[in-house]
Every structure is written in structure tokens, then in C-alpha cells.
Amino acid sequence: MSINETKYTMQEAAEMLEVSHSRIRQLCIEYDLGEKLGQYRLLNDEDITFLKAIPRKIGRPKSA
């Protein structure tokens, strides 16, 4: 990590990826992304790129 590395909050990441803040939180926990700073989690450009690459299933899950 460099000193000049850009950090994003989960809300900023959610706006960039056009998903909810809750979904970003779920993905960060699932894939262990971001740097935890107190109650906040900060994401860098590499984390954002990883999140963009995750395929998104749109719509309601099919019932069993």
C-alpha cells in the first residue's frame, strides 16, 4: 500500500458499483476485502476492481 493510495468508504463503493451499501458490506465480509478502521471499512482501487469482476445475479432467486 502506498501513502497516496485512494481509499473509498463502503457507501462510495456502493454508488460506484450501483448496488446497496448492505450488499457491499456482505461482499467485503465474504471475500475479506477492505481495511477495517474502527467501525468503518475502507476499500482501495484493487478491492473495487475485484468487486466489479464478481458476476451479479439479478432478480429474485427461484424457489426450490
PDB file of N, CA and C in Angstrom:
ATOM      1  N   MET A   1       0.832  -1.180   0.000  1.00  0.00           N
ATOM      2  CA  MET A   1       0.000   0.000   0.000  1.00  0.00           C
ATOM      3  C   MET A   1       0.874   1.240   0.000  1.00  0.00           C
ATOM      4  N   SER A   2       0.551   2.137  -0.906  1.00  0.00           N
ATOM      5  CA  SER A   2       1.302   3.383  -0.926  1.00  0.00           C
ATOM      6  C   SER A   2       0.559   4.441  -0.126  1.00  0.00           C
ATOM      7  N   ILE A   3       1.247   5.478   0.222  1.00  0.00           N
ATOM      8  CA  ILE A   3       0.658   6.551   1.007  1.00  0.00           C
ATOM      9  C   ILE A   3      -0.409   7.285   0.212  1.00  0.00           C
ATOM     10  N   ASN A   4      -0.209   7.416  -1.095  1.00  0.00           N
ATOM     11  CA  ASN A   4      -1.136   8.170  -1.940  1.00  0.00           C
ATOM     12  C   ASN A   4      -2.281   7.323  -2.488  1.00  0.00           C
ATOM     13  N   GLU A   5      -2.424   6.111  -2.004  1.00  0.00           N
ATOM     14  CA  GLU A   5      -3.470   5.222  -2.499  1.00  0.00           C
ATOM     15  C   GLU A   5      -4.852   5.769  -2.131  1.00  0.00           C
ATOM     16  N   THR A   6      -5.765   5.746  -3.088  1.00  0.00           N
ATOM     17  CA  THR A   6      -7.111   6.238  -2.860  1.00  0.00           C
ATOM     18  C   THR A   6      -7.913   5.221  -2.064  1.00  0.00           C
ATOM     19  N   LYS A   7      -8.617   5.697  -1.058  1.00  0.00           N
ATOM     20  CA  LYS A   7      -9.470   4.847  -0.220  1.00  0.00           C
ATOM     21  C   LYS A   7     -10.915   5.291  -0.407  1.00  0.00           C
ATOM     22  N   TYR A   8     -11.818   4.315  -0.427  1.00  0.00           N
ATOM     23  CA  TYR A   8     -13.237   4.597  -0.594  1.00  0.00           C
ATOM     24  C   TYR A   8     -14.007   3.997   0.569  1.00  0.00           C
ATOM     25  N   THR A   9     -15.044   4.681   0.994  1.00  0.00           N
ATOM     26  CA  THR A   9     -15.927   4.114   2.007  1.00  0.00           C
ATOM     27  C   THR A   9     -16.836   3.100   1.321  1.00  0.00           C
ATOM     28  N   MET A  10     -17.533   2.302   2.108  1.00  0.00           N
ATOM     29  CA  MET A  10     -18.447   1.324   1.514  1.00  0.00           C
ATOM     30  C   MET A  10     -19.593   2.027   0.799  1.00  0.00           C
ATOM     31  N   GLN A  11     -20.022   3.186   1.286  1.00  0.00           N
ATOM     32  CA  GLN A  11     -21.084   3.943   0.626  1.00  0.00           C
ATOM     33  C   GLN A  11     -20.621   4.441  -0.740  1.00  0.00           C
ATOM     34  N   GLU A  12     -19.396   4.943  -0.825  1.00  0.00           N
ATOM     35  CA  GLU A  12     -18.847   5.397  -2.108  1.00  0.00           C
ATOM     36  C   GLU A  12     -18.716   4.231  -3.087  1.00  0.00           C
ATOM     37  N   ALA A  13     -18.273   3.093  -2.587  1.00  0.00           N
ATOM     38  CA  ALA A  13     -18.146   1.905  -3.427  1.00  0.00           C
ATOM     39  C   ALA A  13     -19.512   1.460  -3.930  1.00  0.00           C
ATOM     40  N   ALA A  14     -20.512   1.515  -3.076  1.00  0.00           N
ATOM     41  CA  ALA A  14     -21.870   1.126  -3.456  1.00  0.00           C
ATOM     42  C   ALA A  14     -22.384   2.023  -4.579  1.00  0.00           C
ATOM     43  N   GLU A  15     -22.126   3.313  -4.488  1.00  0.00           N
ATOM     44  CA  GLU A  15     -22.559   4.242  -5.530  1.00  0.00           C
ATOM     45  C   GLU A  15     -21.831   3.969  -6.843  1.00  0.00           C
ATOM     46  N   MET A  16     -20.535   3.664  -6.775  1.00  0.00           N
ATOM     47  CA  MET A  16     -19.761   3.378  -7.988  1.00  0.00           C
ATOM     48  C   MET A  16     -20.246   2.109  -8.674  1.00  0.00           C
ATOM     49  N   LEU A  17     -20.606   1.098  -7.877  1.00  0.00           N
ATOM     50  CA  LEU A  17     -20.999  -0.202  -8.423  1.00  0.00           C
ATOM     51  C   LEU A  17     -22.506  -0.336  -8.606  1.00  0.00           C
ATOM     52  N   GLU A  18     -23.238   0.698  -8.222  1.00  0.00           N
ATOM     53  CA  GLU A  18     -24.695   0.734  -8.359  1.00  0.00           C
ATOM     54  C   GLU A  18     -25.375  -0.437  -7.650  1.00  0.00           C
ATOM     55  N   VAL A  19     -24.931  -0.692  -6.427  1.00  0.00           N
ATOM     56  CA  VAL A  19     -25.554  -1.688  -5.551  1.00  0.00           C
ATOM     57  C   VAL A  19     -25.766  -1.027  -4.190  1.00  0.00           C
ATOM     58  N   SER A  20     -26.409  -1.732  -3.291  1.00  0.00           N
ATOM     59  CA  SER A  20     -26.676  -1.158  -1.976  1.00  0.00           C
ATOM     60  C   SER A  20     -25.443  -1.228  -1.070  1.00  0.00           C
ATOM     61  N   HIS A  21     -25.459  -0.375  -0.078  1.00  0.00           N
ATOM     62  CA  HIS A  21     -24.399  -0.365   0.934  1.00  0.00           C
ATOM     63  C   HIS A  21     -24.339  -1.722   1.639  1.00  0.00           C
ATOM     64  N   SER A  22     -25.509  -2.302   1.893  1.00  0.00           N
ATOM     65  CA  SER A  22     -25.577  -3.609   2.563  1.00  0.00           C
ATOM     66  C   SER A  22     -24.913  -4.698   1.733  1.00  0.00           C
ATOM     67  N   ARG A  23     -25.111  -4.644   0.415  1.00  0.00           N
ATOM     68  CA  ARG A  23     -24.514  -5.661  -0.462  1.00  0.00           C
ATOM     69  C   ARG A  23     -22.993  -5.539  -0.453  1.00  0.00           C
ATOM     70  N   ILE A  24     -22.473  -4.326  -0.459  1.00  0.00           N
ATOM     71  CA  ILE A  24     -21.020  -4.125  -0.388  1.00  0.00           C
ATOM     72  C   ILE A  24     -20.491  -4.691   0.922  1.00  0.00           C
ATOM     73  N   ARG A  25     -21.211  -4.450   2.011  1.00  0.00           N
ATOM     74  CA  ARG A  25     -20.798  -4.979   3.317  1.00  0.00           C
ATOM     75  C   ARG A  25     -20.762  -6.501   3.290  1.00  0.00           C
ATOM     76  N   GLN A  26     -21.794  -7.124   2.712  1.00  0.00           N
ATOM     77  CA  GLN A  26     -21.834  -8.582   2.607  1.00  0.00           C
ATOM     78  C   GLN A  26     -20.645  -9.119   1.822  1.00  0.00           C
ATOM     79  N   LEU A  27     -20.352  -8.490   0.692  1.00  0.00           N
ATOM     80  CA  LEU A  27     -19.244  -8.941  -0.152  1.00  0.00           C
ATOM     81  C   LEU A  27     -17.898  -8.747   0.545  1.00  0.00           C
ATOM     82  N   CYS A  28     -17.741  -7.646   1.256  1.00  0.00           N
ATOM     83  CA  CYS A  28     -16.490  -7.392   1.972  1.00  0.00           C
ATOM     84  C   CYS A  28     -16.252  -8.452   3.040  1.00  0.00           C
ATOM     85  N   ILE A  29     -17.311  -8.845   3.720  1.00  0.00           N
ATOM     86  CA  ILE A  29     -17.185  -9.885   4.747  1.00  0.00           C
ATOM     87  C   ILE A  29     -16.899 -11.232   4.093  1.00  0.00           C
ATOM     88  N   GLU A  30     -17.639 -11.542   3.022  1.00  0.00           N
ATOM     89  CA  GLU A  30     -17.489 -12.836   2.355  1.00  0.00           C
ATOM     90  C   GLU A  30     -16.097 -13.031   1.761  1.00  0.00           C
ATOM     91  N   TYR A  31     -15.548 -11.978   1.125  1.00  0.00           N
ATOM     92  CA  TYR A  31     -14.254 -12.090   0.456  1.00  0.00           C
ATOM     93  C   TYR A  31     -13.109 -11.456   1.242  1.00  0.00           C
ATOM     94  N   ASP A  32     -13.386 -11.010   2.467  1.00  0.00           N
ATOM     95  CA  ASP A  32     -12.381 -10.390   3.333  1.00  0.00           C
ATOM     96  C   ASP A  32     -11.676  -9.233   2.630  1.00  0.00           C
ATOM     97  N   LEU A  33     -12.473  -8.290   2.150  1.00  0.00           N
ATOM     98  CA  LEU A  33     -11.947  -7.134   1.426  1.00  0.00           C
ATOM     99  C   LEU A  33     -11.918  -5.915   2.327  1.00  0.00           C
ATOM    100  N   GLY A  34     -11.099  -4.966   1.959  1.00  0.00           N
ATOM    101  CA  GLY A  34     -11.060  -3.692   2.653  1.00  0.00           C
ATOM    102  C   GLY A  34     -10.212  -3.721   3.910  1.00  0.00           C
ATOM    103  N   GLU A  35      -9.960  -2.529   4.373  1.00  0.00           N
ATOM    104  CA  GLU A  35      -9.169  -2.335   5.586  1.00  0.00           C
ATOM    105  C   GLU A  35     -10.109  -1.838   6.677  1.00  0.00           C
ATOM    106  N   LYS A  36     -10.204  -2.581   7.748  1.00  0.00           N
ATOM    107  CA  LYS A  36     -11.095  -2.224   8.845  1.00  0.00           C
ATOM    108  C   LYS A  36     -10.444  -1.115   9.662  1.00  0.00           C
ATOM    109  N   LEU A  37     -11.181  -0.028   9.840  1.00  0.00           N
ATOM    110  CA  LEU A  37     -10.681   1.107  10.601  1.00  0.00           C
ATOM    111  C   LEU A  37     -11.773   1.505  11.595  1.00  0.00           C
ATOM    112  N   GLY A  38     -11.689   0.944  12.806  1.00  0.00           N
ATOM    113  CA  GLY A  38     -12.752   1.155  13.785  1.00  0.00           C
ATOM    114  C   GLY A  38     -14.011   0.467  13.304  1.00  0.00           C
ATOM    115  N   GLN A  39     -15.101   1.217  13.221  1.00  0.00           N
ATOM    116  CA  GLN A  39     -16.349   0.645  12.733  1.00  0.00           C
ATOM    117  C   GLN A  39     -16.488   0.768  11.220  1.00  0.00           C
ATOM    118  N   TYR A  40     -15.517   1.380  10.567  1.00  0.00           N
ATOM    119  CA  TYR A  40     -15.572   1.594   9.129  1.00  0.00           C
ATOM    120  C   TYR A  40     -14.693   0.595   8.386  1.00  0.00           C
ATOM    121  N   ARG A  41     -14.995   0.402   7.135  1.00  0.00           N
ATOM    122  CA  ARG A  41     -14.180  -0.442   6.272  1.00  0.00           C
ATOM    123  C   ARG A  41     -13.853   0.395   5.039  1.00  0.00           C
ATOM    124  N   LEU A  42     -12.567   0.547   4.753  1.00  0.00           N
ATOM    125  CA  LEU A  42     -12.126   1.333   3.609  1.00  0.00           C
ATOM    126  C   LEU A  42     -11.627   0.412   2.512  1.00  0.00           C
ATOM    127  N   LEU A  43     -12.048   0.703   1.281  1.00  0.00           N
ATOM    128  CA  LEU A  43     -11.687  -0.113   0.132  1.00  0.00           C
ATOM    129  C   LEU A  43     -10.732   0.660  -0.760  1.00  0.00           C
ATOM    130  N   ASN A  44      -9.770  -0.059  -1.350  1.00  0.00           N
ATOM    131  CA  ASN A  44      -8.850   0.591  -2.288  1.00  0.00           C
ATOM    132  C   ASN A  44      -9.257   0.240  -3.714  1.00  0.00           C
ATOM    133  N   ASP A  45      -8.517   0.741  -4.696  1.00  0.00           N
ATOM    134  CA  ASP A  45      -8.840   0.514  -6.109  1.00  0.00           C
ATOM    135  C   ASP A  45      -8.835  -0.973  -6.461  1.00  0.00           C
ATOM    136  N   GLU A  46      -7.930  -1.723  -5.868  1.00  0.00           N
ATOM    137  CA  GLU A  46      -7.836  -3.163  -6.138  1.00  0.00           C
ATOM    138  C   GLU A  46      -9.102  -3.882  -5.652  1.00  0.00           C
ATOM    139  N   ASP A  47      -9.610  -3.482  -4.497  1.00  0.00           N
ATOM    140  CA  ASP A  47     -10.846  -4.073  -3.968  1.00  0.00           C
ATOM    141  C   ASP A  47     -12.033  -3.749  -4.872  1.00  0.00           C
ATOM    142  N   ILE A  48     -12.102  -2.514  -5.351  1.00  0.00           N
ATOM    143  CA  ILE A  48     -13.191  -2.093  -6.240  1.00  0.00           C
ATOM    144  C   ILE A  48     -13.147  -2.887  -7.537  1.00  0.00           C
ATOM    145  N   THR A  49     -11.955  -3.079  -8.088  1.00  0.00           N
ATOM    146  CA  THR A  49     -11.799  -3.865  -9.317  1.00  0.00           C
ATOM    147  C   THR A  49     -12.256  -5.302  -9.095  1.00  0.00           C
ATOM    148  N   PHE A  50     -11.921  -5.873  -7.954  1.00  0.00           N
ATOM    149  CA  PHE A  50     -12.346  -7.235  -7.621  1.00  0.00           C
ATOM    150  C   PHE A  50     -13.868  -7.307  -7.541  1.00  0.00           C
ATOM    151  N   LEU A  51     -14.485  -6.321  -6.887  1.00  0.00           N
ATOM    152  CA  LEU A  51     -15.937  -6.320  -6.743  1.00  0.00           C
ATOM    153  C   LEU A  51     -16.633  -6.177  -8.101  1.00  0.00           C
ATOM    154  N   LYS A  52     -16.049  -5.401  -8.999  1.00  0.00           N
ATOM    155  CA  LYS A  52     -16.627  -5.240 -10.335  1.00  0.00           C
ATOM    156  C   LYS A  52     -16.611  -6.548 -11.112  1.00  0.00           C
ATOM    157  N   ALA A  53     -15.637  -7.402 -10.847  1.00  0.00           N
ATOM    158  CA  ALA A  53     -15.475  -8.656 -11.590  1.00  0.00           C
ATOM    159  C   ALA A  53     -16.422  -9.755 -11.109  1.00  0.00           C
ATOM    160  N   ILE A  54     -17.045  -9.578  -9.961  1.00  0.00           N
ATOM    161  CA  ILE A  54     -17.956 -10.596  -9.440  1.00  0.00           C
ATOM    162  C   ILE A  54     -19.239 -10.570 -10.263  1.00  0.00           C
ATOM    163  N   PRO A  55     -19.627 -11.724 -10.847  1.00  0.00           N
ATOM    164  CA  PRO A  55     -20.873 -11.748 -11.623  1.00  0.00           C
ATOM    165  C   PRO A  55     -22.076 -11.498 -10.721  1.00  0.00           C
ATOM    166  N   ARG A  56     -23.018 -10.695 -11.217  1.00  0.00           N
ATOM    167  CA  ARG A  56     -24.193 -10.356 -10.424  1.00  0.00           C
ATOM    168  C   ARG A  56     -25.409 -11.084 -10.968  1.00  0.00           C
ATOM    169  N   LYS A  57     -26.118 -11.773 -10.075  1.00  0.00           N
ATOM    170  CA  LYS A  57     -27.385 -12.401 -10.431  1.00  0.00           C
ATOM    171  C   LYS A  57     -28.482 -11.403 -10.125  1.00  0.00           C
ATOM    172  N   ILE A  58     -29.246 -11.054 -11.128  1.00  0.00           N
ATOM    173  CA  ILE A  58     -30.286 -10.052 -10.960  1.00  0.00           C
ATOM    174  C   ILE A  58     -31.628 -10.754 -10.802  1.00  0.00           C
ATOM    175  N   GLY A  59     -32.427 -10.267  -9.878  1.00  0.00           N
ATOM    176  CA  GLY A  59     -33.772 -10.797  -9.684  1.00  0.00           C
ATOM    177  C   GLY A  59     -33.886 -11.674  -8.455  1.00  0.00           C
ATOM    178  N   ARG A  60     -35.089 -12.105  -8.267  1.00  0.00           N
ATOM    179  CA  ARG A  60     -35.401 -12.946  -7.114  1.00  0.00           C
ATOM    180  C   ARG A  60     -34.949 -14.378  -7.362  1.00  0.00           C
ATOM    181  N   PRO A  61     -34.377 -15.032  -6.352  1.00  0.00           N
ATOM    182  CA  PRO A  61     -33.964 -16.426  -6.525  1.00  0.00           C
ATOM    183  C   PRO A  61     -35.167 -17.321  -6.823  1.00  0.00           C
ATOM    184  N   LYS A  62     -34.965 -18.353  -7.638  1.00  0.00           N
ATOM    185  CA  LYS A  62     -36.035 -19.294  -7.951  1.00  0.00           C
ATOM    186  C   LYS A  62     -36.319 -20.150  -6.733  1.00  0.00           C
ATOM    187  N   SER A  63     -37.590 -20.453  -6.510  1.00  0.00           N
ATOM    188  CA  SER A  63     -37.944 -21.286  -5.367  1.00  0.00           C
ATOM    189  C   SER A  63     -37.612 -22.750  -5.638  1.00  0.00           C
ATOM    190  N   ALA A  64     -37.390 -23.476  -4.594  1.00  0.00           N
ATOM    191  CA  ALA A  64     -36.969 -24.879  -4.724  1.00  0.00           C
ATOM    192  C   ALA A  64     -38.070 -25.798  -5.152  1.00  0.00           C
TER     193      ALA A  64
END
